[in-house]
Amino acid sequence: MHALAGLLAAATPTPTPSSVDPNLVTPGPWGFVVFAFLALVVVLLVWDMVRRIRRARYREEVNQELDAEAQAAAEADRAVIETEADDQSTDAAGDDPRA
């Protein structure tokens, strides 16, 4: 049993500190170029998204104003038609006070 434990202990290496080459772990100039390009793309996408959201909001406001104007015009037309109908009903009845 002790022989097996000694064999397993000998098989697992212990890490030794080593110096790391800084050129191998830094992104370098190409990493900077790629990162700058991705940052520029994200900024442009956000700018376009804000513009589209603003445009949709303005369209909605204009549509609401047009709907309100159309509804007011329809109510005014209904009021004129009802007034004309009332005038015709009193004229048809022959209740003209001037006669």
C-alpha atoms as a PDB file:
ATOM      1  CA  MET A   1       0.000   0.000   0.000  1.00  0.00           C
ATOM      2  CA  HIS A   2       2.862   2.361   0.796  1.00  0.00           C
ATOM      3  CA  ALA A   3       4.473   1.567  -2.503  1.00  0.00           C
ATOM      4  CA  LEU A   4       1.356   2.657  -4.396  1.00  0.00           C
ATOM      5  CA  ALA A   5       1.177   5.967  -2.490  1.00  0.00           C
ATOM      6  CA  GLY A   6       4.868   6.606  -3.205  1.00  0.00           C
ATOM      7  CA  LEU A   7       4.290   5.894  -6.906  1.00  0.00           C
ATOM      8  CA  LEU A   8       1.305   8.280  -7.100  1.00  0.00           C
ATOM      9  CA  ALA A   9       3.228  11.015  -5.303  1.00  0.00           C
ATOM     10  CA  ALA A  10       6.131  10.658  -7.710  1.00  0.00           C
ATOM     11  CA  ALA A  11       3.787  10.815 -10.746  1.00  0.00           C
ATOM     12  CA  THR A  12       2.262  14.214  -9.897  1.00  0.00           C
ATOM     13  CA  PRO A  13       4.701  17.008 -10.703  1.00  0.00           C
ATOM     14  CA  THR A  14       4.897  20.070  -8.513  1.00  0.00           C
ATOM     15  CA  PRO A  15       4.666  23.432 -10.276  1.00  0.00           C
ATOM     16  CA  THR A  16       7.832  25.441 -10.362  1.00  0.00           C
ATOM     17  CA  PRO A  17       7.789  29.220 -10.682  1.00  0.00           C
ATOM     18  CA  SER A  18       8.935  30.398 -14.054  1.00  0.00           C
ATOM     19  CA  SER A  19       9.299  33.781 -15.680  1.00  0.00           C
ATOM     20  CA  VAL A  20       6.616  34.669 -18.214  1.00  0.00           C
ATOM     21  CA  ASP A  21       7.481  36.433 -21.434  1.00  0.00           C
ATOM     22  CA  PRO A  22       5.381  39.664 -21.438  1.00  0.00           C
ATOM     23  CA  ASN A  23       5.187  39.609 -25.241  1.00  0.00           C
ATOM     24  CA  LEU A  24       3.301  36.322 -25.122  1.00  0.00           C
ATOM     25  CA  VAL A  25       0.599  37.470 -22.692  1.00  0.00           C
ATOM     26  CA  THR A  26      -0.140  40.986 -24.020  1.00  0.00           C
ATOM     27  CA  PRO A  27      -2.512  41.541 -26.933  1.00  0.00           C
ATOM     28  CA  GLY A  28      -0.016  43.556 -28.915  1.00  0.00           C
ATOM     29  CA  PRO A  29      -0.855  46.094 -31.624  1.00  0.00           C
ATOM     30  CA  TRP A  30      -3.315  43.798 -33.441  1.00  0.00           C
ATOM     31  CA  GLY A  31      -5.248  43.243 -30.254  1.00  0.00           C
ATOM     32  CA  PHE A  32      -5.530  46.992 -29.804  1.00  0.00           C
ATOM     33  CA  VAL A  33      -6.704  47.439 -33.403  1.00  0.00           C
ATOM     34  CA  VAL A  34      -9.370  44.750 -33.015  1.00  0.00           C
ATOM     35  CA  PHE A  35     -10.529  46.164 -29.667  1.00  0.00           C
ATOM     36  CA  ALA A  36     -10.685  49.734 -31.070  1.00  0.00           C
ATOM     37  CA  PHE A  37     -12.663  48.493 -34.090  1.00  0.00           C
ATOM     38  CA  LEU A  38     -15.165  46.658 -31.872  1.00  0.00           C
ATOM     39  CA  ALA A  39     -15.560  49.741 -29.658  1.00  0.00           C
ATOM     40  CA  LEU A  40     -16.225  51.902 -32.732  1.00  0.00           C
ATOM     41  CA  VAL A  41     -18.800  49.431 -34.054  1.00  0.00           C
ATOM     42  CA  VAL A  42     -20.616  49.376 -30.696  1.00  0.00           C
ATOM     43  CA  VAL A  43     -20.695  53.194 -30.540  1.00  0.00           C
ATOM     44  CA  LEU A  44     -22.119  53.390 -34.076  1.00  0.00           C
ATOM     45  CA  LEU A  45     -24.756  50.755 -33.325  1.00  0.00           C
ATOM     46  CA  VAL A  46     -25.881  52.557 -30.178  1.00  0.00           C
ATOM     47  CA  TRP A  47     -26.032  55.863 -32.068  1.00  0.00           C
ATOM     48  CA  ASP A  48     -28.174  54.290 -34.810  1.00  0.00           C
ATOM     49  CA  MET A  49     -30.463  52.620 -32.251  1.00  0.00           C
ATOM     50  CA  VAL A  50     -31.053  55.910 -30.411  1.00  0.00           C
ATOM     51  CA  ARG A  51     -31.838  57.628 -33.704  1.00  0.00           C
ATOM     52  CA  ARG A  52     -34.348  54.942 -34.686  1.00  0.00           C
ATOM     53  CA  ILE A  53     -36.058  55.007 -31.282  1.00  0.00           C
ATOM     54  CA  ARG A  54     -36.322  58.800 -31.421  1.00  0.00           C
ATOM     55  CA  ARG A  55     -37.788  58.620 -34.935  1.00  0.00           C
ATOM     56  CA  ALA A  56     -40.377  56.030 -33.859  1.00  0.00           C
ATOM     57  CA  ARG A  57     -41.360  58.179 -30.862  1.00  0.00           C
ATOM     58  CA  TYR A  58     -41.846  61.249 -33.094  1.00  0.00           C
ATOM     59  CA  ARG A  59     -43.925  59.234 -35.561  1.00  0.00           C
ATOM     60  CA  GLU A  60     -46.153  58.028 -32.724  1.00  0.00           C
ATOM     61  CA  GLU A  61     -46.667  61.589 -31.465  1.00  0.00           C
ATOM     62  CA  VAL A  62     -47.559  62.814 -34.964  1.00  0.00           C
ATOM     63  CA  ASN A  63     -49.979  59.896 -35.457  1.00  0.00           C
ATOM     64  CA  GLN A  64     -51.686  60.702 -32.149  1.00  0.00           C
ATOM     65  CA  GLU A  65     -52.065  64.367 -33.153  1.00  0.00           C
ATOM     66  CA  LEU A  66     -53.493  63.405 -36.554  1.00  0.00           C
ATOM     67  CA  ASP A  67     -55.934  60.974 -34.935  1.00  0.00           C
ATOM     68  CA  ALA A  68     -57.077  63.685 -32.487  1.00  0.00           C
ATOM     69  CA  GLU A  69     -57.580  66.169 -35.336  1.00  0.00           C
ATOM     70  CA  ALA A  70     -59.522  63.605 -37.386  1.00  0.00           C
ATOM     71  CA  GLN A  71     -61.713  62.768 -34.402  1.00  0.00           C
ATOM     72  CA  ALA A  72     -62.396  66.456 -33.727  1.00  0.00           C
ATOM     73  CA  ALA A  73     -63.275  67.019 -37.394  1.00  0.00           C
ATOM     74  CA  ALA A  74     -65.633  64.019 -37.363  1.00  0.00           C
ATOM     75  CA  GLU A  75     -67.353  65.281 -34.217  1.00  0.00           C
ATOM     76  CA  ALA A  76     -67.721  68.744 -35.777  1.00  0.00           C
ATOM     77  CA  ASP A  77     -69.237  67.209 -38.917  1.00  0.00           C
ATOM     78  CA  ARG A  78     -71.663  65.177 -36.789  1.00  0.00           C
ATOM     79  CA  ALA A  79     -72.659  68.317 -34.895  1.00  0.00           C
ATOM     80  CA  VAL A  80     -73.322  70.193 -38.147  1.00  0.00           C
ATOM     81  CA  ILE A  81     -75.391  67.307 -39.521  1.00  0.00           C
ATOM     82  CA  GLU A  82     -77.420  67.063 -36.305  1.00  0.00           C
ATOM     83  CA  THR A  83     -78.040  70.831 -36.325  1.00  0.00           C
ATOM     84  CA  GLU A  84     -79.217  70.717 -39.930  1.00  0.00           C
ATOM     85  CA  ALA A  85     -81.481  67.771 -39.129  1.00  0.00           C
ATOM     86  CA  ASP A  86     -82.999  69.702 -36.205  1.00  0.00           C
ATOM     87  CA  ASP A  87     -83.617  72.727 -38.433  1.00  0.00           C
ATOM     88  CA  GLN A  88     -85.321  70.585 -41.072  1.00  0.00           C
ATOM     89  CA  SER A  89     -87.595  68.919 -38.538  1.00  0.00           C
ATOM     90  CA  THR A  90     -88.857  72.259 -37.199  1.00  0.00           C
ATOM     91  CA  ASP A  91     -89.381  73.689 -40.692  1.00  0.00           C
ATOM     92  CA  ALA A  92     -91.273  70.600 -41.786  1.00  0.00           C
ATOM     93  CA  ALA A  93     -93.633  70.757 -38.838  1.00  0.00           C
ATOM     94  CA  GLY A  94     -94.971  74.113 -39.931  1.00  0.00           C
ATOM     95  CA  ASP A  95     -94.361  75.772 -36.620  1.00  0.00           C
ATOM     96  CA  ASP A  96     -93.017  78.948 -38.170  1.00  0.00           C
ATOM     97  CA  PRO A  97     -93.771  81.802 -35.747  1.00  0.00           C
ATOM     98  CA  ARG A  98     -93.668  84.394 -38.568  1.00  0.00           C
ATOM     99  CA  ALA A  99     -96.638  82.876 -40.347  1.00  0.00           C
END
